[in-house]
N, C-alpha and C. Protein backbone atom coordinates (compact mmCIF):
# COMPACT_ATOMS: atom_id res chain seq x y z
N MET A 1 143.76 -162.41 40.69
CA MET A 1 143.49 -161.97 39.35
C MET A 1 142.02 -161.70 39.15
N ASN A 2 141.20 -162.32 39.90
CA ASN A 2 139.77 -162.10 39.80
C ASN A 2 139.42 -160.64 40.00
N PHE A 3 140.04 -160.07 40.97
CA PHE A 3 139.79 -158.68 41.25
C PHE A 3 140.19 -157.81 40.06
N LYS A 4 141.26 -158.15 39.42
CA LYS A 4 141.75 -157.40 38.26
C LYS A 4 140.73 -157.49 37.12
N HIS A 5 140.19 -158.68 36.82
CA HIS A 5 139.19 -158.83 35.75
C HIS A 5 137.90 -158.12 36.12
N PHE A 6 137.52 -158.20 37.38
CA PHE A 6 136.30 -157.54 37.83
C PHE A 6 136.44 -156.03 37.66
N PHE A 7 137.59 -155.48 38.05
CA PHE A 7 137.83 -154.05 37.95
C PHE A 7 137.79 -153.59 36.49
N LEU A 8 138.41 -154.33 35.59
CA LEU A 8 138.41 -153.96 34.17
C LEU A 8 137.01 -154.03 33.59
N ALA A 9 136.23 -155.03 33.95
CA ALA A 9 134.86 -155.16 33.47
C ALA A 9 134.01 -154.01 33.97
N ALA A 10 134.19 -153.61 35.22
CA ALA A 10 133.40 -152.52 35.80
C ALA A 10 133.74 -151.20 35.12
N VAL A 11 135.00 -150.96 34.86
CA VAL A 11 135.42 -149.72 34.20
C VAL A 11 134.88 -149.69 32.77
N SER A 12 134.91 -150.80 32.09
CA SER A 12 134.41 -150.85 30.71
C SER A 12 132.92 -150.61 30.65
N ILE A 13 132.18 -151.22 31.56
CA ILE A 13 130.71 -151.06 31.55
C ILE A 13 130.36 -149.63 31.92
N SER A 14 131.03 -149.04 32.91
CA SER A 14 130.69 -147.67 33.29
C SER A 14 131.04 -146.69 32.17
N ALA A 15 132.11 -146.94 31.46
CA ALA A 15 132.47 -146.07 30.33
C ALA A 15 131.44 -146.19 29.22
N LEU A 16 130.94 -147.39 28.99
CA LEU A 16 129.93 -147.61 27.96
C LEU A 16 128.62 -146.94 28.35
N VAL A 17 128.22 -147.04 29.61
CA VAL A 17 126.98 -146.43 30.08
C VAL A 17 127.08 -144.92 29.98
N LEU A 18 128.19 -144.35 30.41
CA LEU A 18 128.35 -142.89 30.37
C LEU A 18 128.37 -142.38 28.93
N THR A 19 128.96 -143.10 28.04
CA THR A 19 129.01 -142.69 26.64
C THR A 19 127.61 -142.76 26.04
N ALA A 20 126.86 -143.80 26.34
CA ALA A 20 125.51 -143.96 25.80
C ALA A 20 124.57 -142.91 26.34
N CYS A 21 124.71 -142.50 27.59
CA CYS A 21 123.83 -141.51 28.19
C CYS A 21 124.21 -140.09 27.82
N GLY A 22 125.44 -139.84 27.45
CA GLY A 22 125.90 -138.48 27.21
C GLY A 22 125.70 -137.98 25.80
N THR A 23 125.26 -138.78 24.84
CA THR A 23 125.10 -138.32 23.46
C THR A 23 123.65 -138.36 23.06
N GLU A 24 123.29 -137.51 22.12
CA GLU A 24 121.93 -137.49 21.61
C GLU A 24 121.83 -138.24 20.30
N ASP A 25 122.89 -138.80 19.83
CA ASP A 25 122.90 -139.53 18.58
C ASP A 25 122.10 -140.81 18.75
N THR A 26 121.10 -141.02 17.91
CA THR A 26 120.25 -142.21 18.04
C THR A 26 120.63 -143.28 17.04
N SER A 27 121.69 -143.06 16.28
CA SER A 27 122.09 -144.08 15.32
C SER A 27 122.71 -145.25 16.08
N PRO A 28 122.58 -146.44 15.53
CA PRO A 28 123.12 -147.60 16.25
C PRO A 28 124.64 -147.52 16.34
N GLN A 29 125.12 -147.85 17.50
CA GLN A 29 126.55 -147.80 17.77
C GLN A 29 127.12 -149.20 17.58
N THR A 30 128.23 -149.25 16.88
CA THR A 30 128.91 -150.53 16.76
C THR A 30 130.04 -150.54 17.77
N PRO A 31 130.12 -151.57 18.58
CA PRO A 31 131.17 -151.56 19.60
C PRO A 31 132.53 -151.70 18.94
N ALA A 32 133.46 -150.92 19.45
CA ALA A 32 134.82 -150.97 18.96
C ALA A 32 135.50 -152.20 19.55
N PRO A 33 136.38 -152.81 18.78
CA PRO A 33 137.07 -153.97 19.34
C PRO A 33 137.91 -153.56 20.54
N SER A 34 137.82 -154.32 21.60
CA SER A 34 138.51 -153.98 22.84
C SER A 34 139.88 -154.65 22.87
N SER A 35 140.83 -153.88 23.29
CA SER A 35 142.16 -154.46 23.43
C SER A 35 142.25 -155.30 24.69
N LEU A 36 141.20 -155.21 25.51
CA LEU A 36 141.19 -155.94 26.76
C LEU A 36 140.54 -157.31 26.60
N ALA A 37 140.05 -157.63 25.44
CA ALA A 37 139.37 -158.91 25.24
C ALA A 37 140.36 -160.05 25.45
N SER A 38 139.85 -161.09 26.01
CA SER A 38 140.71 -162.20 26.33
C SER A 38 140.81 -163.22 25.21
N SER A 39 139.90 -163.10 24.19
CA SER A 39 139.95 -164.06 23.10
C SER A 39 141.04 -163.67 22.13
N PRO A 40 141.75 -164.64 21.60
CA PRO A 40 142.83 -164.31 20.66
C PRO A 40 142.24 -163.80 19.34
N ALA A 41 142.81 -162.75 18.80
CA ALA A 41 142.33 -162.17 17.54
C ALA A 41 142.97 -162.92 16.38
N SER A 42 142.18 -163.13 15.35
CA SER A 42 142.72 -163.82 14.18
C SER A 42 143.33 -162.77 13.25
N PRO A 43 144.55 -162.96 12.84
CA PRO A 43 145.20 -161.96 11.98
C PRO A 43 144.57 -161.98 10.58
N THR A 44 144.48 -160.79 9.98
CA THR A 44 143.93 -160.65 8.63
C THR A 44 145.01 -161.07 7.65
N PRO A 45 144.67 -161.95 6.70
CA PRO A 45 145.70 -162.37 5.76
C PRO A 45 146.09 -161.21 4.85
N PRO A 46 147.36 -161.05 4.53
CA PRO A 46 147.78 -159.95 3.65
C PRO A 46 147.24 -160.17 2.23
N GLN A 47 146.95 -159.05 1.56
CA GLN A 47 146.44 -159.09 0.20
C GLN A 47 147.56 -159.48 -0.75
N ALA A 48 147.29 -160.44 -1.59
CA ALA A 48 148.27 -160.85 -2.58
C ALA A 48 148.18 -159.90 -3.76
N PRO A 49 149.30 -159.44 -4.31
CA PRO A 49 149.23 -158.53 -5.46
C PRO A 49 148.59 -159.24 -6.65
N SER A 50 147.73 -158.49 -7.33
CA SER A 50 147.00 -159.05 -8.47
C SER A 50 147.94 -159.12 -9.67
N SER A 51 147.82 -160.20 -10.42
CA SER A 51 148.67 -160.33 -11.60
C SER A 51 148.06 -159.62 -12.81
N GLU A 52 146.78 -159.20 -12.72
CA GLU A 52 146.13 -158.47 -13.82
C GLU A 52 146.51 -157.00 -13.76
N PRO A 53 146.81 -156.38 -14.90
CA PRO A 53 147.13 -154.94 -14.87
C PRO A 53 145.85 -154.14 -14.59
N VAL A 54 146.02 -153.06 -13.89
CA VAL A 54 144.89 -152.18 -13.58
C VAL A 54 144.53 -151.41 -14.84
N ALA A 55 143.27 -151.47 -15.21
CA ALA A 55 142.83 -150.79 -16.44
C ALA A 55 142.70 -149.30 -16.18
N VAL A 56 143.46 -148.50 -16.90
CA VAL A 56 143.39 -147.05 -16.81
C VAL A 56 142.48 -146.59 -17.93
N PRO A 57 141.44 -145.81 -17.60
CA PRO A 57 140.54 -145.38 -18.68
C PRO A 57 141.29 -144.47 -19.67
N ALA A 58 141.01 -144.66 -20.93
CA ALA A 58 141.66 -143.85 -21.98
C ALA A 58 141.14 -142.42 -21.90
N PRO A 59 142.01 -141.45 -22.09
CA PRO A 59 141.54 -140.06 -22.06
C PRO A 59 140.57 -139.82 -23.22
N PRO A 60 139.63 -138.91 -23.02
CA PRO A 60 138.70 -138.64 -24.12
C PRO A 60 139.46 -138.07 -25.31
N PRO A 61 138.99 -138.32 -26.51
CA PRO A 61 139.70 -137.79 -27.69
C PRO A 61 139.63 -136.26 -27.71
N VAL A 62 140.69 -135.66 -28.20
CA VAL A 62 140.74 -134.20 -28.30
C VAL A 62 140.00 -133.79 -29.57
N THR A 63 138.99 -132.98 -29.40
CA THR A 63 138.21 -132.48 -30.53
C THR A 63 138.48 -130.99 -30.69
N PHE A 64 137.97 -130.42 -31.75
CA PHE A 64 138.14 -128.99 -31.95
C PHE A 64 136.92 -128.42 -32.65
N GLU A 65 136.80 -127.11 -32.52
CA GLU A 65 135.81 -126.37 -33.30
C GLU A 65 136.51 -125.14 -33.86
N CYS A 66 136.04 -124.68 -34.99
CA CYS A 66 136.67 -123.53 -35.64
C CYS A 66 136.32 -122.25 -34.89
N GLY A 67 137.30 -121.38 -34.76
CA GLY A 67 137.09 -120.12 -34.07
C GLY A 67 136.21 -119.18 -34.87
N ASP A 68 135.49 -118.32 -34.15
CA ASP A 68 134.62 -117.32 -34.77
C ASP A 68 135.48 -116.33 -35.55
N LEU A 69 135.15 -116.11 -36.83
CA LEU A 69 135.96 -115.23 -37.68
C LEU A 69 135.92 -113.77 -37.23
N ALA A 70 134.91 -113.41 -36.43
CA ALA A 70 134.87 -112.04 -35.92
C ALA A 70 135.90 -111.84 -34.81
N VAL A 71 136.38 -112.95 -34.23
CA VAL A 71 137.33 -112.87 -33.12
C VAL A 71 138.70 -113.43 -33.50
N TYR A 72 138.72 -114.55 -34.24
CA TYR A 72 139.96 -115.24 -34.55
C TYR A 72 140.27 -115.15 -36.05
N GLU A 73 141.54 -115.35 -36.38
CA GLU A 73 141.94 -115.41 -37.79
C GLU A 73 141.40 -116.69 -38.41
N SER A 74 141.26 -116.66 -39.72
CA SER A 74 140.81 -117.85 -40.43
C SER A 74 141.82 -118.96 -40.22
N GLY A 75 141.34 -120.18 -39.93
CA GLY A 75 142.20 -121.32 -39.70
C GLY A 75 142.41 -121.63 -38.23
N THR A 76 141.93 -120.77 -37.33
CA THR A 76 142.12 -120.99 -35.90
C THR A 76 141.17 -122.06 -35.40
N ALA A 77 141.73 -123.06 -34.70
CA ALA A 77 140.94 -124.14 -34.11
C ALA A 77 141.04 -124.05 -32.59
N LEU A 78 139.91 -124.21 -31.91
CA LEU A 78 139.86 -124.22 -30.45
C LEU A 78 139.68 -125.67 -30.02
N TYR A 79 140.70 -126.26 -29.38
CA TYR A 79 140.68 -127.66 -29.02
C TYR A 79 139.99 -127.87 -27.68
N SER A 80 139.44 -129.09 -27.48
CA SER A 80 138.70 -129.40 -26.26
C SER A 80 139.60 -129.46 -25.04
N ASP A 81 140.90 -129.58 -25.21
CA ASP A 81 141.79 -129.59 -24.05
C ASP A 81 142.24 -128.19 -23.66
N GLY A 82 141.67 -127.16 -24.31
CA GLY A 82 141.95 -125.77 -23.95
C GLY A 82 143.03 -125.11 -24.77
N THR A 83 143.65 -125.82 -25.70
CA THR A 83 144.71 -125.23 -26.51
C THR A 83 144.11 -124.65 -27.79
N VAL A 84 144.90 -123.86 -28.47
CA VAL A 84 144.51 -123.22 -29.71
C VAL A 84 145.54 -123.57 -30.76
N GLY A 85 145.10 -123.82 -32.00
CA GLY A 85 146.04 -124.17 -33.06
C GLY A 85 145.44 -123.93 -34.43
N TYR A 86 146.09 -124.47 -35.44
CA TYR A 86 145.66 -124.30 -36.83
C TYR A 86 145.09 -125.61 -37.34
N GLU A 87 143.97 -125.52 -38.04
CA GLU A 87 143.38 -126.66 -38.76
C GLU A 87 142.99 -126.18 -40.14
N ALA A 88 143.35 -126.94 -41.16
CA ALA A 88 143.07 -126.54 -42.55
C ALA A 88 141.58 -126.42 -42.81
N VAL A 89 140.77 -127.25 -42.17
CA VAL A 89 139.32 -127.17 -42.43
C VAL A 89 138.72 -125.88 -41.88
N CYS A 90 139.42 -125.23 -40.96
CA CYS A 90 138.94 -123.96 -40.42
C CYS A 90 139.42 -122.77 -41.24
N ASP A 91 140.30 -123.02 -42.20
CA ASP A 91 140.86 -121.94 -43.01
C ASP A 91 139.90 -121.64 -44.15
N THR A 92 139.01 -120.71 -43.92
CA THR A 92 137.97 -120.37 -44.90
C THR A 92 138.24 -119.04 -45.59
N TYR A 93 139.46 -118.52 -45.47
CA TYR A 93 139.77 -117.22 -46.07
C TYR A 93 139.68 -117.32 -47.59
N VAL A 94 138.95 -116.39 -48.15
CA VAL A 94 138.86 -116.28 -49.61
C VAL A 94 139.31 -114.86 -49.95
N PRO A 95 140.39 -114.74 -50.71
CA PRO A 95 140.85 -113.39 -51.03
C PRO A 95 139.80 -112.66 -51.87
N PRO A 96 139.71 -111.35 -51.69
CA PRO A 96 138.73 -110.61 -52.47
C PRO A 96 139.05 -110.69 -53.96
N ALA A 97 138.01 -110.64 -54.76
CA ALA A 97 138.18 -110.70 -56.21
C ALA A 97 138.87 -109.43 -56.70
N GLU A 98 139.65 -109.58 -57.74
CA GLU A 98 140.30 -108.42 -58.33
C GLU A 98 139.22 -107.48 -58.88
N PRO A 99 139.38 -106.17 -58.70
CA PRO A 99 138.38 -105.25 -59.23
C PRO A 99 138.35 -105.30 -60.77
N VAL A 100 137.17 -105.13 -61.31
CA VAL A 100 136.98 -105.16 -62.77
C VAL A 100 136.86 -103.72 -63.26
N LEU A 101 137.62 -103.40 -64.30
CA LEU A 101 137.61 -102.05 -64.86
C LEU A 101 136.25 -101.75 -65.46
N GLN A 102 135.65 -100.65 -64.99
CA GLN A 102 134.36 -100.23 -65.53
C GLN A 102 134.58 -99.24 -66.68
N TYR A 103 135.39 -98.20 -66.45
CA TYR A 103 135.70 -97.26 -67.51
C TYR A 103 136.92 -96.44 -67.12
N CYS A 104 137.50 -95.77 -68.10
CA CYS A 104 138.61 -94.86 -67.86
C CYS A 104 138.06 -93.45 -67.82
N ASP A 105 138.30 -92.77 -66.72
CA ASP A 105 137.79 -91.42 -66.54
C ASP A 105 138.82 -90.43 -67.07
N TYR A 106 138.52 -89.15 -66.97
CA TYR A 106 139.41 -88.10 -67.45
C TYR A 106 140.75 -88.18 -66.74
N GLY A 107 141.80 -87.89 -67.46
CA GLY A 107 143.13 -87.91 -66.88
C GLY A 107 143.70 -89.30 -66.73
N GLY A 108 143.08 -90.30 -67.33
CA GLY A 108 143.61 -91.66 -67.26
C GLY A 108 143.31 -92.37 -65.94
N VAL A 109 142.30 -91.92 -65.20
CA VAL A 109 141.93 -92.55 -63.94
C VAL A 109 141.01 -93.72 -64.24
N ALA A 110 141.39 -94.89 -63.75
CA ALA A 110 140.58 -96.10 -63.94
C ALA A 110 139.53 -96.16 -62.85
N VAL A 111 138.28 -96.38 -63.23
CA VAL A 111 137.18 -96.52 -62.28
C VAL A 111 136.70 -97.96 -62.38
N TYR A 112 136.64 -98.62 -61.21
CA TYR A 112 136.30 -100.05 -61.16
C TYR A 112 134.85 -100.26 -60.72
N THR A 113 134.35 -101.47 -60.95
CA THR A 113 132.96 -101.80 -60.62
C THR A 113 132.68 -101.78 -59.14
N ASP A 114 133.70 -101.93 -58.29
CA ASP A 114 133.47 -101.88 -56.84
C ASP A 114 133.52 -100.45 -56.30
N GLY A 115 133.67 -99.45 -57.17
CA GLY A 115 133.67 -98.05 -56.76
C GLY A 115 135.05 -97.48 -56.50
N SER A 116 136.08 -98.31 -56.50
CA SER A 116 137.43 -97.81 -56.28
C SER A 116 137.98 -97.25 -57.59
N SER A 117 139.10 -96.54 -57.47
CA SER A 117 139.72 -95.97 -58.66
C SER A 117 141.23 -95.99 -58.51
N SER A 118 141.93 -95.83 -59.63
CA SER A 118 143.38 -95.85 -59.63
C SER A 118 143.89 -94.98 -60.78
N ALA A 119 144.89 -94.19 -60.46
CA ALA A 119 145.50 -93.35 -61.49
C ALA A 119 146.68 -94.05 -62.15
N THR A 120 146.99 -95.27 -61.73
CA THR A 120 148.16 -95.97 -62.26
C THR A 120 147.80 -97.24 -63.03
N ASP A 121 146.55 -97.45 -63.33
CA ASP A 121 146.16 -98.65 -64.07
C ASP A 121 146.65 -98.53 -65.51
N PRO A 122 147.45 -99.50 -65.98
CA PRO A 122 147.98 -99.40 -67.34
C PRO A 122 146.90 -99.47 -68.42
N ALA A 123 145.73 -100.00 -68.10
CA ALA A 123 144.65 -100.07 -69.08
C ALA A 123 144.16 -98.67 -69.45
N CYS A 124 144.33 -97.71 -68.54
CA CYS A 124 143.87 -96.35 -68.81
C CYS A 124 145.02 -95.38 -69.05
N ALA A 125 146.22 -95.90 -69.05
CA ALA A 125 147.37 -95.02 -69.30
C ALA A 125 147.35 -94.61 -70.76
N SER A 126 147.56 -93.34 -70.98
CA SER A 126 147.54 -92.81 -72.34
C SER A 126 148.97 -92.55 -72.79
N ALA A 127 149.26 -92.97 -73.98
CA ALA A 127 150.60 -92.72 -74.52
C ALA A 127 150.73 -91.30 -75.03
N ALA A 128 149.60 -90.60 -75.17
CA ALA A 128 149.64 -89.23 -75.67
C ALA A 128 150.11 -88.30 -74.57
N ASP A 129 150.85 -87.27 -74.94
CA ASP A 129 151.28 -86.31 -73.95
C ASP A 129 150.13 -85.38 -73.61
N PRO A 130 150.18 -84.70 -72.46
CA PRO A 130 149.05 -83.90 -72.00
C PRO A 130 148.63 -82.81 -72.98
N GLY A 131 149.51 -82.31 -73.79
CA GLY A 131 149.14 -81.24 -74.72
C GLY A 131 148.59 -81.75 -76.03
N SER A 132 148.29 -83.01 -76.13
CA SER A 132 147.85 -83.56 -77.41
C SER A 132 146.35 -83.53 -77.61
N GLY A 133 145.61 -82.98 -76.64
CA GLY A 133 144.15 -82.93 -76.79
C GLY A 133 143.46 -84.13 -76.17
N ALA A 134 144.16 -84.97 -75.47
CA ALA A 134 143.56 -86.15 -74.85
C ALA A 134 142.98 -85.78 -73.50
N SER A 135 141.95 -84.94 -73.49
CA SER A 135 141.34 -84.49 -72.24
C SER A 135 140.07 -85.25 -71.93
N GLY A 136 139.64 -86.10 -72.81
CA GLY A 136 138.39 -86.81 -72.59
C GLY A 136 137.29 -86.26 -73.47
N TYR A 137 137.46 -85.07 -73.97
CA TYR A 137 136.48 -84.48 -74.90
C TYR A 137 137.04 -84.61 -76.31
N PRO A 138 136.18 -84.77 -77.29
CA PRO A 138 136.69 -84.78 -78.67
C PRO A 138 137.26 -83.39 -79.02
N TYR A 139 138.35 -83.39 -79.73
CA TYR A 139 138.98 -82.12 -80.05
C TYR A 139 138.27 -81.44 -81.21
N ASP A 140 137.84 -80.22 -80.94
CA ASP A 140 137.22 -79.37 -81.96
C ASP A 140 137.98 -78.05 -81.91
N PRO A 141 138.78 -77.75 -82.95
CA PRO A 141 139.60 -76.54 -82.89
C PRO A 141 138.78 -75.27 -82.66
N SER A 142 137.50 -75.26 -83.03
CA SER A 142 136.70 -74.05 -82.82
C SER A 142 136.39 -73.83 -81.35
N GLN A 143 136.50 -74.90 -80.54
CA GLN A 143 136.21 -74.76 -79.10
C GLN A 143 137.49 -74.59 -78.27
N ASP A 144 138.65 -74.66 -78.92
CA ASP A 144 139.91 -74.51 -78.20
C ASP A 144 140.16 -73.02 -78.00
N ARG A 145 139.68 -72.48 -76.89
CA ARG A 145 139.70 -71.04 -76.64
C ARG A 145 141.09 -70.50 -76.39
N ASN A 146 141.96 -71.28 -75.80
CA ASN A 146 143.29 -70.76 -75.50
C ASN A 146 144.36 -71.29 -76.46
N GLY A 147 143.97 -72.11 -77.42
CA GLY A 147 144.88 -72.56 -78.46
C GLY A 147 145.96 -73.53 -77.99
N ASP A 148 145.74 -74.22 -76.90
CA ASP A 148 146.77 -75.14 -76.41
C ASP A 148 146.63 -76.55 -76.99
N GLY A 149 145.66 -76.78 -77.86
CA GLY A 149 145.48 -78.08 -78.47
C GLY A 149 144.63 -79.02 -77.64
N VAL A 150 144.08 -78.52 -76.55
CA VAL A 150 143.24 -79.34 -75.67
C VAL A 150 141.93 -78.60 -75.44
N VAL A 151 140.83 -79.31 -75.55
CA VAL A 151 139.53 -78.71 -75.22
C VAL A 151 139.16 -79.22 -73.83
N ASN A 152 139.35 -78.37 -72.84
CA ASN A 152 138.98 -78.72 -71.47
C ASN A 152 137.50 -78.45 -71.27
N GLY A 153 136.97 -78.97 -70.16
CA GLY A 153 135.54 -78.83 -69.90
C GLY A 153 135.08 -77.39 -69.88
N TYR A 154 135.89 -76.50 -69.31
CA TYR A 154 135.49 -75.09 -69.23
C TYR A 154 135.57 -74.40 -70.58
N GLU A 155 136.24 -75.01 -71.58
CA GLU A 155 136.36 -74.41 -72.91
C GLU A 155 135.27 -74.87 -73.86
N ARG A 156 134.50 -75.84 -73.45
CA ARG A 156 133.46 -76.33 -74.36
C ARG A 156 132.46 -75.23 -74.68
N CYS A 157 131.85 -75.34 -75.82
CA CYS A 157 130.91 -74.33 -76.29
C CYS A 157 129.60 -74.38 -75.51
N GLY A 158 129.06 -75.54 -75.29
CA GLY A 158 127.84 -75.69 -74.51
C GLY A 158 126.61 -75.25 -75.25
N LEU A 159 125.74 -74.51 -74.55
CA LEU A 159 124.43 -74.10 -75.09
C LEU A 159 124.56 -73.23 -76.32
N ALA A 160 125.63 -72.41 -76.42
CA ALA A 160 125.81 -71.52 -77.56
C ALA A 160 125.98 -72.31 -78.85
N CYS A 161 126.44 -73.55 -78.76
CA CYS A 161 126.65 -74.39 -79.94
C CYS A 161 125.58 -75.46 -80.07
N GLY A 162 124.54 -75.39 -79.22
CA GLY A 162 123.48 -76.38 -79.30
C GLY A 162 123.83 -77.69 -78.60
N GLU A 163 124.83 -77.67 -77.72
CA GLU A 163 125.23 -78.87 -76.97
C GLU A 163 124.68 -78.80 -75.55
N ASP A 164 125.00 -79.83 -74.78
CA ASP A 164 124.61 -79.81 -73.36
C ASP A 164 125.31 -78.64 -72.68
N PRO A 165 124.70 -78.09 -71.62
CA PRO A 165 125.34 -76.95 -70.95
C PRO A 165 126.63 -77.39 -70.26
N THR A 166 127.57 -76.48 -70.19
CA THR A 166 128.80 -76.74 -69.46
C THR A 166 128.52 -76.56 -67.97
N SER A 167 129.44 -76.99 -67.14
CA SER A 167 129.25 -76.82 -65.70
C SER A 167 129.19 -75.33 -65.34
N GLY A 168 129.94 -74.50 -66.05
CA GLY A 168 129.90 -73.06 -65.80
C GLY A 168 128.54 -72.46 -66.14
N GLU A 169 127.95 -72.94 -67.23
CA GLU A 169 126.63 -72.44 -67.60
C GLU A 169 125.57 -72.86 -66.57
N ILE A 170 125.70 -74.07 -66.04
CA ILE A 170 124.74 -74.53 -65.02
C ILE A 170 124.91 -73.71 -63.74
N GLN A 171 126.15 -73.43 -63.35
CA GLN A 171 126.38 -72.62 -62.16
C GLN A 171 125.87 -71.18 -62.34
N MET A 172 126.09 -70.63 -63.53
CA MET A 172 125.60 -69.27 -63.81
C MET A 172 124.09 -69.22 -63.73
N GLN A 173 123.39 -70.21 -64.31
CA GLN A 173 121.93 -70.24 -64.28
C GLN A 173 121.44 -70.31 -62.83
N TYR A 174 122.07 -71.13 -61.98
CA TYR A 174 121.67 -71.26 -60.59
C TYR A 174 121.89 -69.93 -59.85
N GLY A 175 123.02 -69.27 -60.11
CA GLY A 175 123.31 -67.99 -59.46
C GLY A 175 122.31 -66.92 -59.86
N CYS A 176 121.89 -66.92 -61.13
CA CYS A 176 120.88 -65.96 -61.58
C CYS A 176 119.55 -66.23 -60.90
N GLU A 177 119.18 -67.53 -60.78
CA GLU A 177 117.91 -67.88 -60.14
C GLU A 177 117.92 -67.52 -58.66
N GLN A 178 119.07 -67.63 -58.00
CA GLN A 178 119.15 -67.32 -56.58
C GLN A 178 119.33 -65.82 -56.32
N GLY A 179 119.71 -65.07 -57.35
CA GLY A 179 119.82 -63.62 -57.22
C GLY A 179 121.20 -63.12 -56.87
N TYR A 180 122.20 -63.97 -56.69
CA TYR A 180 123.53 -63.46 -56.38
C TYR A 180 124.36 -63.19 -57.62
N ILE A 181 123.84 -63.52 -58.82
CA ILE A 181 124.46 -63.09 -60.08
C ILE A 181 123.39 -62.24 -60.79
N THR A 182 123.80 -61.06 -61.21
CA THR A 182 122.85 -60.16 -61.89
C THR A 182 123.53 -59.62 -63.15
N GLY A 183 122.76 -59.01 -63.99
CA GLY A 183 123.32 -58.37 -65.16
C GLY A 183 122.87 -59.04 -66.45
N PRO A 184 123.55 -58.68 -67.56
CA PRO A 184 123.12 -59.18 -68.87
C PRO A 184 123.34 -60.69 -69.02
N GLN A 185 124.20 -61.30 -68.20
CA GLN A 185 124.40 -62.74 -68.30
C GLN A 185 123.14 -63.52 -67.93
N CYS A 186 122.29 -62.92 -67.14
CA CYS A 186 121.10 -63.63 -66.65
C CYS A 186 119.89 -63.45 -67.57
N ASN A 187 120.02 -62.69 -68.65
CA ASN A 187 118.86 -62.47 -69.54
C ASN A 187 118.64 -63.62 -70.45
């Protein structure tokens, strides 16, 4: 048996020498436990299961931020876990204010302070029929040129009666000044 132990020792030493000479690693080598060792190995005692429960960290709370109104509808919440939903605090929609009537224009058209208009606003609806003279101008029978009971803008007397010029009189004056209207009307 001596020869057998001598042979195993020689093989182990030569393997260790060859391994040490063949590598460039300069870190310290820890010898691996040899299965050929003659000393009895002490068995590692098995781990006893712990009676304490393993503490699992609580997930972080889910938070949210309100979505940008240029991209999302009012009330949209973007949650920290990547989901999207509704939150009342994000609902900042304010309906536009109702338009306020500024005045009733000719023909019963309502003109509002925001610049919009409506031909169906009951505040400007006239109970008078169209032939009753309700054209927006005060009725003067002397200016009713066609006798229909309505004085339209083109029927007004204008400068001839000492009033503001009619739109036709302004257009005629401009045409005379530009030279494309000529004759006794321009004198």
